[in-house]
C-alpha atoms as a PDB file:
ATOM      1  CA  MET A   1       0.891   3.764 -30.030  1.00  0.00           C
ATOM      2  CA  PRO A   2      -2.756   3.234 -28.994  1.00  0.00           C
ATOM      3  CA  ASP A   3      -2.205  -0.562 -28.941  1.00  0.00           C
ATOM      4  CA  VAL A   4       0.713  -0.174 -26.534  1.00  0.00           C
ATOM      5  CA  LEU A   5      -1.306   2.123 -24.271  1.00  0.00           C
ATOM      6  CA  LEU A   6      -4.278  -0.246 -24.287  1.00  0.00           C
ATOM      7  CA  HIS A   7      -2.018  -3.188 -23.403  1.00  0.00           C
ATOM      8  CA  PHE A   8      -0.446  -1.204 -20.546  1.00  0.00           C
ATOM      9  CA  LEU A   9      -3.840  -0.193 -19.152  1.00  0.00           C
ATOM     10  CA  THR A  10      -5.195  -3.756 -19.241  1.00  0.00           C
ATOM     11  CA  SER A  11      -2.034  -5.582 -18.091  1.00  0.00           C
ATOM     12  CA  GLY A  12      -0.245  -3.098 -15.852  1.00  0.00           C
ATOM     13  CA  VAL A  13       3.483  -2.768 -15.341  1.00  0.00           C
ATOM     14  CA  ALA A  14       4.020  -6.376 -14.215  1.00  0.00           C
ATOM     15  CA  GLY A  15       1.624  -7.890 -16.756  1.00  0.00           C
ATOM     16  CA  LEU A  16      -0.714  -9.241 -14.076  1.00  0.00           C
ATOM     17  CA  GLY A  17      -3.981  -8.552 -15.853  1.00  0.00           C
ATOM     18  CA  TRP A  18      -6.973  -6.876 -14.301  1.00  0.00           C
ATOM     19  CA  LEU A  19      -7.520  -9.502 -11.596  1.00  0.00           C
ATOM     20  CA  GLY A  20      -3.902  -9.320 -10.431  1.00  0.00           C
ATOM     21  CA  MET A  21      -4.025  -5.527 -10.382  1.00  0.00           C
ATOM     22  CA  LEU A  22      -7.208  -5.720  -8.288  1.00  0.00           C
ATOM     23  CA  VAL A  23      -5.496  -8.015  -5.768  1.00  0.00           C
ATOM     24  CA  VAL A  24      -2.470  -5.696  -5.565  1.00  0.00           C
ATOM     25  CA  LEU A  25      -4.784  -2.714  -5.074  1.00  0.00           C
ATOM     26  CA  LEU A  26      -6.631  -4.456  -2.232  1.00  0.00           C
ATOM     27  CA  VAL A  27      -3.388  -5.508  -0.509  1.00  0.00           C
ATOM     28  CA  PHE A  28      -1.942  -1.980  -0.714  1.00  0.00           C
ATOM     29  CA  THR A  29      -5.219  -0.528   0.556  1.00  0.00           C
ATOM     30  CA  GLN A  30      -5.184  -2.795   3.597  1.00  0.00           C
ATOM     31  CA  LEU A  31      -1.525  -1.978   4.326  1.00  0.00           C
ATOM     32  CA  THR A  32      -2.361   1.725   4.171  1.00  0.00           C
ATOM     33  CA  ILE A  33      -5.321   1.321   6.529  1.00  0.00           C
ATOM     34  CA  PHE A  34      -3.237  -0.676   9.022  1.00  0.00           C
ATOM     35  CA  SER A  35      -0.409   1.847   8.835  1.00  0.00           C
ATOM     36  CA  VAL A  36      -2.672   4.818   9.456  1.00  0.00           C
ATOM     37  CA  THR A  37      -4.615   3.088  12.225  1.00  0.00           C
ATOM     38  CA  LEU A  38      -1.687   1.589  14.101  1.00  0.00           C
ATOM     39  CA  TYR A  39       1.077   4.118  13.583  1.00  0.00           C
ATOM     40  CA  LEU A  40      -0.540   7.507  13.157  1.00  0.00           C
ATOM     41  CA  HIS A  41      -3.556   7.020  15.395  1.00  0.00           C
ATOM     42  CA  ARG A  42      -2.525   4.569  18.118  1.00  0.00           C
ATOM     43  CA  SER A  43       1.180   5.325  18.335  1.00  0.00           C
ATOM     44  CA  ARG A  44       1.508   9.016  17.474  1.00  0.00           C
ATOM     45  CA  ALA A  45      -1.820  10.463  18.649  1.00  0.00           C
ATOM     46  CA  HIS A  46      -2.499   8.499  21.848  1.00  0.00           C
ATOM     47  CA  ARG A  47       0.996   7.127  22.603  1.00  0.00           C
ATOM     48  CA  GLY A  48      -0.764   3.841  23.369  1.00  0.00           C
ATOM     49  CA  VAL A  49       1.585   1.631  21.353  1.00  0.00           C
ATOM     50  CA  ASP A  50       5.374   1.670  21.216  1.00  0.00           C
ATOM     51  CA  PHE A  51       6.987   0.203  18.107  1.00  0.00           C
ATOM     52  CA  HIS A  52      10.575  -0.838  17.513  1.00  0.00           C
ATOM     53  CA  PRO A  53      12.655   2.084  16.148  1.00  0.00           C
ATOM     54  CA  ALA A  54      13.147   0.297  12.825  1.00  0.00           C
ATOM     55  CA  LEU A  55       9.393  -0.132  12.445  1.00  0.00           C
ATOM     56  CA  ASN A  56       8.857   3.514  13.396  1.00  0.00           C
ATOM     57  CA  HIS A  57      11.284   4.514  10.661  1.00  0.00           C
ATOM     58  CA  PHE A  58       9.445   2.319   8.142  1.00  0.00           C
ATOM     59  CA  PHE A  59       6.079   3.868   9.041  1.00  0.00           C
ATOM     60  CA  ARG A  60       7.516   7.393   8.849  1.00  0.00           C
ATOM     61  CA  PHE A  61       8.897   6.605   5.401  1.00  0.00           C
END
């Protein structure tokens, strides 16, 4: 069992390895920052930006 756990921790679910997991982490972090900045701050707080209803639904999700 420890070998399986070690392999999972070093390879991840998709088997990308540590460099691939780092890239995925950075991409998801940037998407989160853009979502918070554009949707929650600009659109919801200041009403400065209007998004398409489908995009609004995606951001709410």
